[in-house]
Structures are given as C-alpha cells and as structure tokens.
PDB file of N, CA and C in Angstrom:
ATOM      1  N   MET A   1      14.427  -2.238   9.484  1.00  0.00           N
ATOM      2  CA  MET A   1      13.762  -3.002   8.720  1.00  0.00           C
ATOM      3  C   MET A   1      13.029  -3.609  10.435  1.00  0.00           C
ATOM      4  N   ALA A   2      11.285  -3.716  10.410  1.00  0.00           N
ATOM      5  CA  ALA A   2      10.678  -3.450  11.479  1.00  0.00           C
ATOM      6  C   ALA A   2      10.404  -5.287  11.388  1.00  0.00           C
ATOM      7  N   SER A   3      10.120  -5.800  12.470  1.00  0.00           N
ATOM      8  CA  SER A   3       9.888  -7.136  11.985  1.00  0.00           C
ATOM      9  C   SER A   3       8.224  -7.236  12.472  1.00  0.00           C
ATOM     10  N   GLU A   4       7.407  -8.555  12.003  1.00  0.00           N
ATOM     11  CA  GLU A   4       6.225  -8.431  12.273  1.00  0.00           C
ATOM     12  C   GLU A   4       6.165  -9.383  12.781  1.00  0.00           C
ATOM     13  N   THR A   5       4.791  -9.940  13.329  1.00  0.00           N
ATOM     14  CA  THR A   5       4.060 -11.434  13.713  1.00  0.00           C
ATOM     15  C   THR A   5       3.298 -11.604  12.698  1.00  0.00           C
ATOM     16  N   ILE A   6       3.551 -13.225  12.272  1.00  0.00           N
ATOM     17  CA  ILE A   6       2.515 -13.622  11.261  1.00  0.00           C
ATOM     18  C   ILE A   6       1.443 -14.069  12.314  1.00  0.00           C
ATOM     19  N   LEU A   7       0.205 -13.751  11.784  1.00  0.00           N
ATOM     20  CA  LEU A   7      -1.124 -14.214  12.241  1.00  0.00           C
ATOM     21  C   LEU A   7      -1.959 -14.835  11.248  1.00  0.00           C
ATOM     22  N   PRO A   8      -2.423 -16.098  11.356  1.00  0.00           N
ATOM     23  CA  PRO A   8      -3.722 -16.305  10.408  1.00  0.00           C
ATOM     24  C   PRO A   8      -4.563 -15.516   9.951  1.00  0.00           C
ATOM     25  N   GLY A   9      -4.609 -15.683   8.562  1.00  0.00           N
ATOM     26  CA  GLY A   9      -5.605 -14.159   8.093  1.00  0.00           C
ATOM     27  C   GLY A   9      -5.117 -13.038   8.198  1.00  0.00           C
ATOM     28  N   ASP A  10      -3.716 -12.813   8.485  1.00  0.00           N
ATOM     29  CA  ASP A  10      -3.680 -11.415   8.621  1.00  0.00           C
ATOM     30  C   ASP A  10      -2.863 -10.521   7.295  1.00  0.00           C
ATOM     31  N   LEU A  11      -2.667  -9.711   6.725  1.00  0.00           N
ATOM     32  CA  LEU A  11      -2.384  -8.870   6.039  1.00  0.00           C
ATOM     33  C   LEU A  11      -0.892  -9.926   5.566  1.00  0.00           C
ATOM     34  N   ILE A  12       0.051 -10.090   6.437  1.00  0.00           N
ATOM     35  CA  ILE A  12       1.208 -10.420   6.062  1.00  0.00           C
ATOM     36  C   ILE A  12       1.013 -12.355   6.195  1.00  0.00           C
ATOM     37  N   ILE A  13       1.471 -12.754   5.169  1.00  0.00           N
ATOM     38  CA  ILE A  13       1.206 -14.141   5.327  1.00  0.00           C
ATOM     39  C   ILE A  13       2.810 -15.430   4.839  1.00  0.00           C
ATOM     40  N   SER A  14       3.209 -14.384   5.069  1.00  0.00           N
ATOM     41  CA  SER A  14       5.160 -15.575   5.183  1.00  0.00           C
ATOM     42  C   SER A  14       6.349 -14.910   5.819  1.00  0.00           C
ATOM     43  N   ASP A  15       6.811 -15.473   6.141  1.00  0.00           N
ATOM     44  CA  ASP A  15       8.222 -14.972   6.642  1.00  0.00           C
ATOM     45  C   ASP A  15       9.758 -14.480   5.819  1.00  0.00           C
ATOM     46  N   PHE A  16       8.889 -14.169   4.270  1.00  0.00           N
ATOM     47  CA  PHE A  16       9.736 -13.182   3.821  1.00  0.00           C
ATOM     48  C   PHE A  16       9.918 -12.346   4.501  1.00  0.00           C
ATOM     49  N   PRO A  17      11.061 -11.221   4.605  1.00  0.00           N
ATOM     50  CA  PRO A  17      11.475  -9.933   5.265  1.00  0.00           C
ATOM     51  C   PRO A  17      10.783  -9.143   4.850  1.00  0.00           C
ATOM     52  N   VAL A  18      10.061  -8.242   5.978  1.00  0.00           N
ATOM     53  CA  VAL A  18       9.134  -7.361   5.865  1.00  0.00           C
ATOM     54  C   VAL A  18      10.015  -6.115   6.165  1.00  0.00           C
ATOM     55  N   GLU A  19       9.977  -5.132   5.211  1.00  0.00           N
ATOM     56  CA  GLU A  19      10.434  -3.766   5.394  1.00  0.00           C
ATOM     57  C   GLU A  19       9.114  -2.501   5.284  1.00  0.00           C
ATOM     58  N   THR A  20       9.502  -1.910   6.064  1.00  0.00           N
ATOM     59  CA  THR A  20       8.663  -0.669   6.153  1.00  0.00           C
ATOM     60  C   THR A  20       9.293   0.864   5.751  1.00  0.00           C
ATOM     61  N   MET A  21       8.938   1.743   5.439  1.00  0.00           N
ATOM     62  CA  MET A  21       9.686   2.998   5.183  1.00  0.00           C
ATOM     63  C   MET A  21       8.525   4.125   5.814  1.00  0.00           C
ATOM     64  N   PRO A  22       8.979   5.168   6.186  1.00  0.00           N
ATOM     65  CA  PRO A  22       8.424   6.147   6.396  1.00  0.00           C
ATOM     66  C   PRO A  22       7.567   7.159   5.300  1.00  0.00           C
ATOM     67  N   ILE A  23       6.202   8.057   5.539  1.00  0.00           N
ATOM     68  CA  ILE A  23       5.978   7.911   4.584  1.00  0.00           C
ATOM     69  C   ILE A  23       4.976   9.517   5.027  1.00  0.00           C
ATOM     70  N   THR A  24       4.411  10.208   4.223  1.00  0.00           N
ATOM     71  CA  THR A  24       3.225  11.121   4.241  1.00  0.00           C
ATOM     72  C   THR A  24       1.850  11.031   3.107  1.00  0.00           C
ATOM     73  N   ILE A  25       0.834  10.606   4.174  1.00  0.00           N
ATOM     74  CA  ILE A  25      -0.582  10.800   3.524  1.00  0.00           C
ATOM     75  C   ILE A  25      -0.740  11.904   3.118  1.00  0.00           C
ATOM     76  N   VAL A  26      -1.273  12.643   2.069  1.00  0.00           N
ATOM     77  CA  VAL A  26      -1.913  14.010   1.687  1.00  0.00           C
ATOM     78  C   VAL A  26      -3.045  14.247   2.330  1.00  0.00           C
ATOM     79  N   SER A  27      -2.799  15.292   2.370  1.00  0.00           N
ATOM     80  CA  SER A  27      -4.784  16.232   2.983  1.00  0.00           C
ATOM     81  C   SER A  27      -5.564  15.594   1.685  1.00  0.00           C
ATOM     82  N   GLY A  28      -6.505  15.403   2.352  1.00  0.00           N
ATOM     83  CA  GLY A  28      -7.752  14.943   1.649  1.00  0.00           C
ATOM     84  C   GLY A  28      -8.067  13.798   1.398  1.00  0.00           C
ATOM     85  N   ALA A  29      -7.490  12.684   1.557  1.00  0.00           N
ATOM     86  CA  ALA A  29      -7.144  11.354   1.272  1.00  0.00           C
ATOM     87  C   ALA A  29      -8.286  10.931   2.017  1.00  0.00           C
ATOM     88  N   GLY A  30      -8.412  11.286   3.070  1.00  0.00           N
ATOM     89  CA  GLY A  30      -9.857  10.729   3.886  1.00  0.00           C
ATOM     90  C   GLY A  30      -8.919   9.632   4.978  1.00  0.00           C
ATOM     91  N   GLU A  31      -9.874   8.665   5.578  1.00  0.00           N
ATOM     92  CA  GLU A  31      -9.405   7.873   6.366  1.00  0.00           C
ATOM     93  C   GLU A  31      -8.987   6.429   5.482  1.00  0.00           C
ATOM     94  N   LEU A  32      -8.414   6.343   5.935  1.00  0.00           N
ATOM     95  CA  LEU A  32      -7.034   4.621   5.035  1.00  0.00           C
ATOM     96  C   LEU A  32      -7.288   3.590   5.836  1.00  0.00           C
ATOM     97  N   LYS A  33      -6.899   2.551   5.632  1.00  0.00           N
ATOM     98  CA  LYS A  33      -7.019   1.695   6.702  1.00  0.00           C
ATOM     99  C   LYS A  33      -5.706   0.762   6.290  1.00  0.00           C
ATOM    100  N   ARG A  34      -5.162  -0.040   7.505  1.00  0.00           N
ATOM    101  CA  ARG A  34      -3.989  -0.650   6.628  1.00  0.00           C
ATOM    102  C   ARG A  34      -4.355  -1.993   5.887  1.00  0.00           C
ATOM    103  N   GLY A  35      -3.289  -2.091   4.835  1.00  0.00           N
ATOM    104  CA  GLY A  35      -3.632  -2.695   3.601  1.00  0.00           C
ATOM    105  C   GLY A  35      -4.003  -2.454   2.448  1.00  0.00           C
ATOM    106  N   THR A  36      -4.759  -0.468   2.945  1.00  0.00           N
ATOM    107  CA  THR A  36      -4.775   0.251   1.450  1.00  0.00           C
ATOM    108  C   THR A  36      -3.757   0.035   0.106  1.00  0.00           C
ATOM    109  N   VAL A  37      -3.572   0.373  -0.926  1.00  0.00           N
ATOM    110  CA  VAL A  37      -2.719   0.067  -1.889  1.00  0.00           C
ATOM    111  C   VAL A  37      -2.730   1.324  -2.377  1.00  0.00           C
ATOM    112  N   ILE A  38      -1.406   2.134  -2.082  1.00  0.00           N
ATOM    113  CA  ILE A  38      -1.251   3.575  -2.356  1.00  0.00           C
ATOM    114  C   ILE A  38       0.367   3.862  -3.029  1.00  0.00           C
ATOM    115  N   GLY A  39       0.021   5.061  -3.923  1.00  0.00           N
ATOM    116  CA  GLY A  39       0.791   5.762  -4.777  1.00  0.00           C
ATOM    117  C   GLY A  39       1.174   6.746  -4.149  1.00  0.00           C
ATOM    118  N   MET A  40       2.519   7.286  -4.960  1.00  0.00           N
ATOM    119  CA  MET A  40       3.310   8.912  -4.669  1.00  0.00           C
ATOM    120  C   MET A  40       2.774   9.196  -5.449  1.00  0.00           C
ATOM    121  N   ILE A  41       2.092  10.492  -5.382  1.00  0.00           N
ATOM    122  CA  ILE A  41       1.815  11.952  -6.023  1.00  0.00           C
ATOM    123  C   ILE A  41       3.502  12.497  -6.673  1.00  0.00           C
ATOM    124  N   ALA A  42       3.628  12.238  -8.017  1.00  0.00           N
ATOM    125  CA  ALA A  42       4.805  12.628  -8.146  1.00  0.00           C
ATOM    126  C   ALA A  42       5.280  14.114  -7.942  1.00  0.00           C
ATOM    127  N   ALA A  43       4.051  15.071  -7.648  1.00  0.00           N
ATOM    128  CA  ALA A  43       5.041  16.678  -7.656  1.00  0.00           C
ATOM    129  C   ALA A  43       5.370  16.766  -6.350  1.00  0.00           C
ATOM    130  N   SER A  44       4.667  16.209  -5.466  1.00  0.00           N
ATOM    131  CA  SER A  44       4.690  16.344  -3.937  1.00  0.00           C
ATOM    132  C   SER A  44       5.530  15.158  -3.317  1.00  0.00           C
ATOM    133  N   ARG A  45       5.228  14.270  -3.847  1.00  0.00           N
ATOM    134  CA  ARG A  45       6.372  12.854  -3.108  1.00  0.00           C
ATOM    135  C   ARG A  45       5.485  12.404  -2.072  1.00  0.00           C
ATOM    136  N   LYS A  46       4.209  12.407  -1.654  1.00  0.00           N
ATOM    137  CA  LYS A  46       2.986  12.308  -0.978  1.00  0.00           C
ATOM    138  C   LYS A  46       2.683  11.171  -1.496  1.00  0.00           C
ATOM    139  N   TYR A  47       1.776  10.652  -0.776  1.00  0.00           N
ATOM    140  CA  TYR A  47       0.961   8.960  -1.042  1.00  0.00           C
ATOM    141  C   TYR A  47      -0.398   9.525  -0.813  1.00  0.00           C
ATOM    142  N   ASN A  48      -1.106   8.692  -1.666  1.00  0.00           N
ATOM    143  CA  ASN A  48      -2.658   8.551  -1.688  1.00  0.00           C
ATOM    144  C   ASN A  48      -3.250   7.079  -2.118  1.00  0.00           C
ATOM    145  N   GLN A  49      -4.255   7.152  -1.939  1.00  0.00           N
ATOM    146  CA  GLN A  49      -4.697   5.842  -2.265  1.00  0.00           C
ATOM    147  C   GLN A  49      -4.894   5.462  -3.732  1.00  0.00           C
ATOM    148  N   SER A  50      -4.398   4.397  -4.446  1.00  0.00           N
ATOM    149  CA  SER A  50      -4.421   4.614  -5.682  1.00  0.00           C
ATOM    150  C   SER A  50      -5.670   4.431  -6.590  1.00  0.00           C
ATOM    151  N   LEU A  51      -5.700   4.951  -7.361  1.00  0.00           N
ATOM    152  CA  LEU A  51      -7.449   5.014  -7.500  1.00  0.00           C
ATOM    153  C   LEU A  51      -6.770   5.459  -9.289  1.00  0.00           C
ATOM    154  N   GLY A  52      -7.761   4.383  -9.726  1.00  0.00           N
ATOM    155  CA  GLY A  52      -7.587   4.348 -11.233  1.00  0.00           C
ATOM    156  C   GLY A  52      -7.737   5.821 -12.353  1.00  0.00           C
ATOM    157  N   ALA A  53      -8.724   6.514 -11.816  1.00  0.00           N
ATOM    158  CA  ALA A  53      -9.088   7.654 -12.702  1.00  0.00           C
ATOM    159  C   ALA A  53      -7.964   9.143 -12.107  1.00  0.00           C
ATOM    160  N   SER A  54      -7.240   8.808 -11.355  1.00  0.00           N
ATOM    161  CA  SER A  54      -5.486   9.347 -10.972  1.00  0.00           C
ATOM    162  C   SER A  54      -4.798  10.322 -12.350  1.00  0.00           C
ATOM    163  N   ASN A  55      -4.067  10.562 -12.425  1.00  0.00           N
ATOM    164  CA  ASN A  55      -3.570  10.987 -12.931  1.00  0.00           C
ATOM    165  C   ASN A  55      -2.230  11.911 -12.807  1.00  0.00           C
ATOM    166  N   ASP A  56      -1.659  11.713 -11.534  1.00  0.00           N
ATOM    167  CA  ASP A  56      -0.984  12.358 -10.673  1.00  0.00           C
ATOM    168  C   ASP A  56       0.407  11.516 -10.412  1.00  0.00           C
ATOM    169  N   GLY A  57       0.072  10.837 -10.651  1.00  0.00           N
ATOM    170  CA  GLY A  57       1.341   9.129 -10.492  1.00  0.00           C
ATOM    171  C   GLY A  57       1.022   8.278  -9.291  1.00  0.00           C
ATOM    172  N   SER A  58      -0.029   8.700  -8.449  1.00  0.00           N
ATOM    173  CA  SER A  58      -0.605   7.772  -6.884  1.00  0.00           C
ATOM    174  C   SER A  58      -1.261   6.794  -7.497  1.00  0.00           C
ATOM    175  N   GLU A  59      -1.886   6.859  -9.154  1.00  0.00           N
ATOM    176  CA  GLU A  59      -2.876   5.531  -9.565  1.00  0.00           C
ATOM    177  C   GLU A  59      -2.037   4.500  -9.835  1.00  0.00           C
ATOM    178  N   THR A  60      -0.348   4.749  -9.679  1.00  0.00           N
ATOM    179  CA  THR A  60       0.605   3.677 -10.161  1.00  0.00           C
ATOM    180  C   THR A  60       0.915   3.063  -8.489  1.00  0.00           C
ATOM    181  N   PRO A  61       0.491   1.857  -8.142  1.00  0.00           N
ATOM    182  CA  PRO A  61       0.895   1.526  -6.644  1.00  0.00           C
ATOM    183  C   PRO A  61       2.675   1.160  -6.729  1.00  0.00           C
ATOM    184  N   LYS A  62       2.711   1.411  -5.539  1.00  0.00           N
ATOM    185  CA  LYS A  62       3.902   1.624  -4.859  1.00  0.00           C
ATOM    186  C   LYS A  62       4.486   0.946  -3.457  1.00  0.00           C
ATOM    187  N   ALA A  63       3.093   0.723  -2.671  1.00  0.00           N
ATOM    188  CA  ALA A  63       3.360   0.300  -1.228  1.00  0.00           C
ATOM    189  C   ALA A  63       2.304  -0.096  -1.041  1.00  0.00           C
ATOM    190  N   ILE A  64       1.749  -0.478   0.390  1.00  0.00           N
ATOM    191  CA  ILE A  64       0.463  -0.860   1.004  1.00  0.00           C
ATOM    192  C   ILE A  64       0.716  -0.591   2.631  1.00  0.00           C
ATOM    193  N   LEU A  65      -0.233   0.344   2.633  1.00  0.00           N
ATOM    194  CA  LEU A  65       0.137   1.174   4.072  1.00  0.00           C
ATOM    195  C   LEU A  65      -0.468   0.011   4.997  1.00  0.00           C
ATOM    196  N   ALA A  66       0.908   1.133   6.201  1.00  0.00           N
ATOM    197  CA  ALA A  66       0.731  -0.521   7.274  1.00  0.00           C
ATOM    198  C   ALA A  66       0.154  -0.297   8.653  1.00  0.00           C
ATOM    199  N   VAL A  67      -0.717   1.388   8.234  1.00  0.00           N
ATOM    200  CA  VAL A  67      -1.208   1.703   9.840  1.00  0.00           C
ATOM    201  C   VAL A  67      -2.374   2.367   9.396  1.00  0.00           C
ATOM    202  N   ASP A  68      -3.656   2.242   9.890  1.00  0.00           N
ATOM    203  CA  ASP A  68      -4.841   3.052  10.105  1.00  0.00           C
ATOM    204  C   ASP A  68      -4.495   4.939  10.114  1.00  0.00           C
ATOM    205  N   VAL A  69      -4.962   5.514   9.008  1.00  0.00           N
ATOM    206  CA  VAL A  69      -4.551   6.797   8.883  1.00  0.00           C
ATOM    207  C   VAL A  69      -5.880   7.654   8.857  1.00  0.00           C
ATOM    208  N   ASP A  70      -5.809   8.841   9.628  1.00  0.00           N
ATOM    209  CA  ASP A  70      -7.309  10.085   9.136  1.00  0.00           C
ATOM    210  C   ASP A  70      -6.646  11.057   8.483  1.00  0.00           C
ATOM    211  N   ALA A  71      -6.111  11.158   7.172  1.00  0.00           N
ATOM    212  CA  ALA A  71      -5.653  12.441   6.408  1.00  0.00           C
ATOM    213  C   ALA A  71      -6.771  13.405   5.832  1.00  0.00           C
ATOM    214  N   THR A  72      -7.908  13.355   6.342  1.00  0.00           N
ATOM    215  CA  THR A  72      -8.943  14.265   5.806  1.00  0.00           C
ATOM    216  C   THR A  72      -8.823  15.873   5.779  1.00  0.00           C
ATOM    217  N   ALA A  73      -8.567  16.061   7.050  1.00  0.00           N
ATOM    218  CA  ALA A  73      -8.236  17.245   7.019  1.00  0.00           C
ATOM    219  C   ALA A  73      -6.454  18.030   6.794  1.00  0.00           C
ATOM    220  N   SER A  74      -5.366  17.201   7.205  1.00  0.00           N
ATOM    221  CA  SER A  74      -4.503  17.873   6.963  1.00  0.00           C
ATOM    222  C   SER A  74      -3.470  16.542   6.670  1.00  0.00           C
ATOM    223  N   ASP A  75      -2.385  16.452   5.822  1.00  0.00           N
ATOM    224  CA  ASP A  75      -1.209  15.512   6.239  1.00  0.00           C
ATOM    225  C   ASP A  75      -0.901  14.620   6.871  1.00  0.00           C
ATOM    226  N   VAL A  76      -0.808  13.487   6.880  1.00  0.00           N
ATOM    227  CA  VAL A  76      -0.314  12.670   8.038  1.00  0.00           C
ATOM    228  C   VAL A  76       0.729  11.896   7.900  1.00  0.00           C
ATOM    229  N   ALA A  77       1.875  12.040   8.929  1.00  0.00           N
ATOM    230  CA  ALA A  77       2.579  11.236   8.753  1.00  0.00           C
ATOM    231  C   ALA A  77       2.522   9.492   9.166  1.00  0.00           C
ATOM    232  N   ALA A  78       2.675   8.612   8.308  1.00  0.00           N
ATOM    233  CA  ALA A  78       2.682   7.022   8.391  1.00  0.00           C
ATOM    234  C   ALA A  78       3.438   6.584   7.722  1.00  0.00           C
ATOM    235  N   VAL A  79       3.263   5.051   7.829  1.00  0.00           N
ATOM    236  CA  VAL A  79       4.326   3.806   7.721  1.00  0.00           C
ATOM    237  C   VAL A  79       3.507   3.403   6.349  1.00  0.00           C
ATOM    238  N   ALA A  80       4.439   3.065   5.683  1.00  0.00           N
ATOM    239  CA  ALA A  80       3.912   1.796   4.688  1.00  0.00           C
ATOM    240  C   ALA A  80       5.148   0.765   4.339  1.00  0.00           C
ATOM    241  N   TYR A  81       4.378  -0.631   3.692  1.00  0.00           N
ATOM    242  CA  TYR A  81       5.042  -1.612   3.787  1.00  0.00           C
ATOM    243  C   TYR A  81       5.669  -1.710   2.441  1.00  0.00           C
ATOM    244  N   ARG A  82       6.973  -1.368   2.129  1.00  0.00           N
ATOM    245  CA  ARG A  82       7.827  -1.831   0.818  1.00  0.00           C
ATOM    246  C   ARG A  82       8.099  -2.993   0.378  1.00  0.00           C
ATOM    247  N   ALA A  83       8.402  -3.908   1.102  1.00  0.00           N
ATOM    248  CA  ALA A  83       8.583  -5.512   0.948  1.00  0.00           C
ATOM    249  C   ALA A  83       8.060  -6.214   1.729  1.00  0.00           C
ATOM    250  N   GLY A  84       7.778  -7.862   1.371  1.00  0.00           N
ATOM    251  CA  GLY A  84       7.211  -8.583   1.982  1.00  0.00           C
ATOM    252  C   GLY A  84       5.629  -9.557   1.398  1.00  0.00           C
ATOM    253  N   THR A  85       5.542 -10.371   2.041  1.00  0.00           N
ATOM    254  CA  THR A  85       4.414 -10.955   1.122  1.00  0.00           C
ATOM    255  C   THR A  85       2.779 -11.031   2.166  1.00  0.00           C
ATOM    256  N   PHE A  86       1.657 -10.665   0.883  1.00  0.00           N
ATOM    257  CA  PHE A  86       0.998  -9.998   1.567  1.00  0.00           C
ATOM    258  C   PHE A  86      -0.594 -10.824   0.906  1.00  0.00           C
ATOM    259  N   ASN A  87      -1.235 -10.800   2.065  1.00  0.00           N
ATOM    260  CA  ASN A  87      -3.127 -11.555   1.370  1.00  0.00           C
ATOM    261  C   ASN A  87      -3.649 -10.860   0.655  1.00  0.00           C
ATOM    262  N   GLU A  88      -3.907 -11.703  -0.437  1.00  0.00           N
ATOM    263  CA  GLU A  88      -4.534 -10.752  -1.574  1.00  0.00           C
ATOM    264  C   GLU A  88      -6.036 -10.150  -1.265  1.00  0.00           C
ATOM    265  N   ASP A  89      -6.597 -11.168  -0.406  1.00  0.00           N
ATOM    266  CA  ASP A  89      -7.824 -10.848   0.303  1.00  0.00           C
ATOM    267  C   ASP A  89      -8.028  -9.787   1.332  1.00  0.00           C
ATOM    268  N   LYS A  90      -7.394  -9.269   1.896  1.00  0.00           N
ATOM    269  CA  LYS A  90      -6.830  -8.244   2.803  1.00  0.00           C
ATOM    270  C   LYS A  90      -6.270  -6.732   2.402  1.00  0.00           C
ATOM    271  N   LEU A  91      -5.570  -7.016   0.903  1.00  0.00           N
ATOM    272  CA  LEU A  91      -5.784  -5.649   0.286  1.00  0.00           C
ATOM    273  C   LEU A  91      -6.950  -4.785  -0.071  1.00  0.00           C
ATOM    274  N   ILE A  92      -6.679  -3.966   0.431  1.00  0.00           N
ATOM    275  CA  ILE A  92      -7.813  -2.647   0.045  1.00  0.00           C
ATOM    276  C   ILE A  92      -7.754  -1.609  -1.422  1.00  0.00           C
ATOM    277  N   LEU A  93      -8.596  -1.753  -2.469  1.00  0.00           N
ATOM    278  CA  LEU A  93      -8.208  -1.516  -3.960  1.00  0.00           C
ATOM    279  C   LEU A  93      -8.931  -0.392  -4.372  1.00  0.00           C
ATOM    280  N   GLY A  94      -8.525   0.845  -4.708  1.00  0.00           N
ATOM    281  CA  GLY A  94      -9.659   1.516  -4.762  1.00  0.00           C
ATOM    282  C   GLY A  94     -10.181   1.759  -5.859  1.00  0.00           C
ATOM    283  N   ALA A  95     -11.068   2.651  -6.092  1.00  0.00           N
ATOM    284  CA  ALA A  95     -11.839   2.348  -7.542  1.00  0.00           C
ATOM    285  C   ALA A  95     -10.883   2.402  -8.761  1.00  0.00           C
ATOM    286  N   GLY A  96     -11.056   1.702  -9.688  1.00  0.00           N
ATOM    287  CA  GLY A  96     -10.378   1.625 -10.970  1.00  0.00           C
ATOM    288  C   GLY A  96      -9.089   0.786 -11.048  1.00  0.00           C
ATOM    289  N   ILE A  97      -9.024   0.210  -9.660  1.00  0.00           N
ATOM    290  CA  ILE A  97      -7.296  -0.745  -9.511  1.00  0.00           C
ATOM    291  C   ILE A  97      -7.805  -2.130  -9.350  1.00  0.00           C
ATOM    292  N   THR A  98      -7.027  -3.202 -10.152  1.00  0.00           N
ATOM    293  CA  THR A  98      -7.232  -4.172  -9.400  1.00  0.00           C
ATOM    294  C   THR A  98      -6.342  -4.915  -9.530  1.00  0.00           C
ATOM    295  N   LEU A  99      -6.541  -6.511  -8.748  1.00  0.00           N
ATOM    296  CA  LEU A  99      -5.286  -7.116  -8.073  1.00  0.00           C
ATOM    297  C   LEU A  99      -4.137  -7.248  -9.247  1.00  0.00           C
ATOM    298  N   ASP A 100      -4.856  -7.907 -10.306  1.00  0.00           N
ATOM    299  CA  ASP A 100      -3.654  -7.926 -11.760  1.00  0.00           C
ATOM    300  C   ASP A 100      -3.042  -6.655 -11.768  1.00  0.00           C
ATOM    301  N   GLY A 101      -3.238  -5.794 -12.167  1.00  0.00           N
ATOM    302  CA  GLY A 101      -3.144  -4.453 -12.290  1.00  0.00           C
ATOM    303  C   GLY A 101      -1.645  -4.198 -10.681  1.00  0.00           C
ATOM    304  N   VAL A 102      -2.220  -4.424  -9.803  1.00  0.00           N
ATOM    305  CA  VAL A 102      -1.726  -4.363  -8.563  1.00  0.00           C
ATOM    306  C   VAL A 102      -0.249  -5.285  -8.629  1.00  0.00           C
ATOM    307  N   LYS A 103      -0.667  -6.650  -8.985  1.00  0.00           N
ATOM    308  CA  LYS A 103       0.597  -7.538  -8.841  1.00  0.00           C
ATOM    309  C   LYS A 103       1.832  -6.799 -10.042  1.00  0.00           C
ATOM    310  N   ALA A 104       1.030  -6.807 -11.239  1.00  0.00           N
ATOM    311  CA  ALA A 104       2.087  -6.176 -12.386  1.00  0.00           C
ATOM    312  C   ALA A 104       2.933  -4.621 -11.950  1.00  0.00           C
ATOM    313  N   ALA A 105       2.069  -3.776 -11.114  1.00  0.00           N
ATOM    314  CA  ALA A 105       3.173  -2.835 -10.791  1.00  0.00           C
ATOM    315  C   ALA A 105       4.321  -3.127 -10.171  1.00  0.00           C
ATOM    316  N   PHE A 106       3.847  -3.774  -8.674  1.00  0.00           N
ATOM    317  CA  PHE A 106       4.963  -3.827  -8.233  1.00  0.00           C
ATOM    318  C   PHE A 106       6.038  -5.175  -9.140  1.00  0.00           C
ATOM    319  N   GLU A 107       5.506  -5.958  -9.790  1.00  0.00           N
ATOM    320  CA  GLU A 107       6.515  -6.909 -10.578  1.00  0.00           C
ATOM    321  C   GLU A 107       7.558  -5.826 -11.946  1.00  0.00           C
ATOM    322  N   ASP A 108       6.552  -4.394 -11.674  1.00  0.00           N
ATOM    323  CA  ASP A 108       7.517  -3.768 -12.944  1.00  0.00           C
ATOM    324  C   ASP A 108       8.398  -3.063 -12.388  1.00  0.00           C
ATOM    325  N   ALA A 109       8.264  -2.704 -11.097  1.00  0.00           N
ATOM    326  CA  ALA A 109       8.986  -2.059 -10.200  1.00  0.00           C
ATOM    327  C   ALA A 109      10.586  -2.626  -9.432  1.00  0.00           C
ATOM    328  N   ASP A 110      10.220  -3.828  -9.757  1.00  0.00           N
ATOM    329  CA  ASP A 110      10.861  -4.860  -9.251  1.00  0.00           C
ATOM    330  C   ASP A 110      11.045  -4.558  -7.535  1.00  0.00           C
ATOM    331  N   ALA A 111       9.676  -4.130  -7.024  1.00  0.00           N
ATOM    332  CA  ALA A 111       8.897  -4.128  -5.724  1.00  0.00           C
ATOM    333  C   ALA A 111       9.581  -5.362  -5.123  1.00  0.00           C
ATOM    334  N   PRO A 112      10.070  -5.985  -4.224  1.00  0.00           N
ATOM    335  CA  PRO A 112       9.831  -7.068  -3.459  1.00  0.00           C
ATOM    336  C   PRO A 112       8.684  -7.279  -2.689  1.00  0.00           C
ATOM    337  N   ILE A 113       7.418  -7.083  -3.536  1.00  0.00           N
ATOM    338  CA  ILE A 113       5.757  -7.032  -2.698  1.00  0.00           C
ATOM    339  C   ILE A 113       5.618  -8.360  -3.377  1.00  0.00           C
ATOM    340  N   PHE A 114       5.294  -9.261  -2.518  1.00  0.00           N
ATOM    341  CA  PHE A 114       4.514 -10.389  -3.515  1.00  0.00           C
ATOM    342  C   PHE A 114       3.051 -10.404  -2.898  1.00  0.00           C
ATOM    343  N   ILE A 115       2.255 -10.829  -3.712  1.00  0.00           N
ATOM    344  CA  ILE A 115       0.645 -10.624  -3.364  1.00  0.00           C
ATOM    345  C   ILE A 115      -0.173 -12.133  -4.152  1.00  0.00           C
ATOM    346  N   LYS A 116      -0.408 -12.883  -2.730  1.00  0.00           N
ATOM    347  CA  LYS A 116      -0.270 -14.387  -3.201  1.00  0.00           C
ATOM    348  C   LYS A 116      -1.907 -14.492  -2.400  1.00  0.00           C
ATOM    349  N   SER A 117      -2.573 -15.754  -3.116  1.00  0.00           N
ATOM    350  CA  SER A 117      -3.995 -16.142  -2.132  1.00  0.00           C
ATOM    351  C   SER A 117      -3.752 -16.915  -1.270  1.00  0.00           C
ATOM    352  N   VAL A 118      -4.087 -17.257  -0.057  1.00  0.00           N
ATOM    353  CA  VAL A 118      -4.037 -17.955   0.917  1.00  0.00           C
ATOM    354  C   VAL A 118      -5.123 -19.303   1.484  1.00  0.00           C
ATOM    355  N   LYS A 119      -5.837 -19.388  -0.062  1.00  0.00           N
ATOM    356  CA  LYS A 119      -6.602 -20.209  -0.234  1.00  0.00           C
ATOM    357  C   LYS A 119      -6.463 -21.963  -0.491  1.00  0.00           C
TER     358      LYS A 119
END
C-alpha cells in the first residue's frame, strides 16, 4: 500500500487509507490526467476513461487514475487508486458520466472509494 501526502485542494482529502494498484491503460485512450475516472475493458482487462457511450465494460467506473499518462499510440503501464477519499471537484469525468453515477458505481462494487465535497 502506498502512502500519500494530503495537500489542501488536492485529489485526496482525508487520511482514510489510500491503496493503489498497477494497471494498463489501453492504446488509443490518449492523454489522461491524474484524477480521471477509469473503467476496465472486460475482454482485455485494460483500463480506459469511463465514457457513458462505451459498451465494453469501461463505462462502469472501477478506479481513479493516480498518474498522468499518454496512451495515444500504445498501451501504458500506470497506477490507479482503488481505495481512498477523493475530492469530487478534482475528478475528471468522461462524457456521459455523472458524479452521482460514479458514486453509485463505487457503492455497488463495495469499493472503498469515497467521493466527497470539500465545500
């Protein structure tokens, strides 16, 4: 388990344990930033930004990208958060994905990912 420093206004907003996992971002995903909500493609078990119009499994949020990546031309090894408390204003949502939908997906999966407002 990796540890994180909590910074005001950052993505991580509490001392709830943060857990990361190694993942692969699929080629063609483009440039994705830390905080992007991602889902897993069922057939390949690779990850892509969750988009409402997808129908390959990645439309269901599974994790939050922990690092910036450029997967424009090839698959990229990356790291994702699979546990923690995150600032809803810092999440990057794909087209057709809503904050309520992200919260519901993590709840339905019993994922220890909590999305909160810092206002």
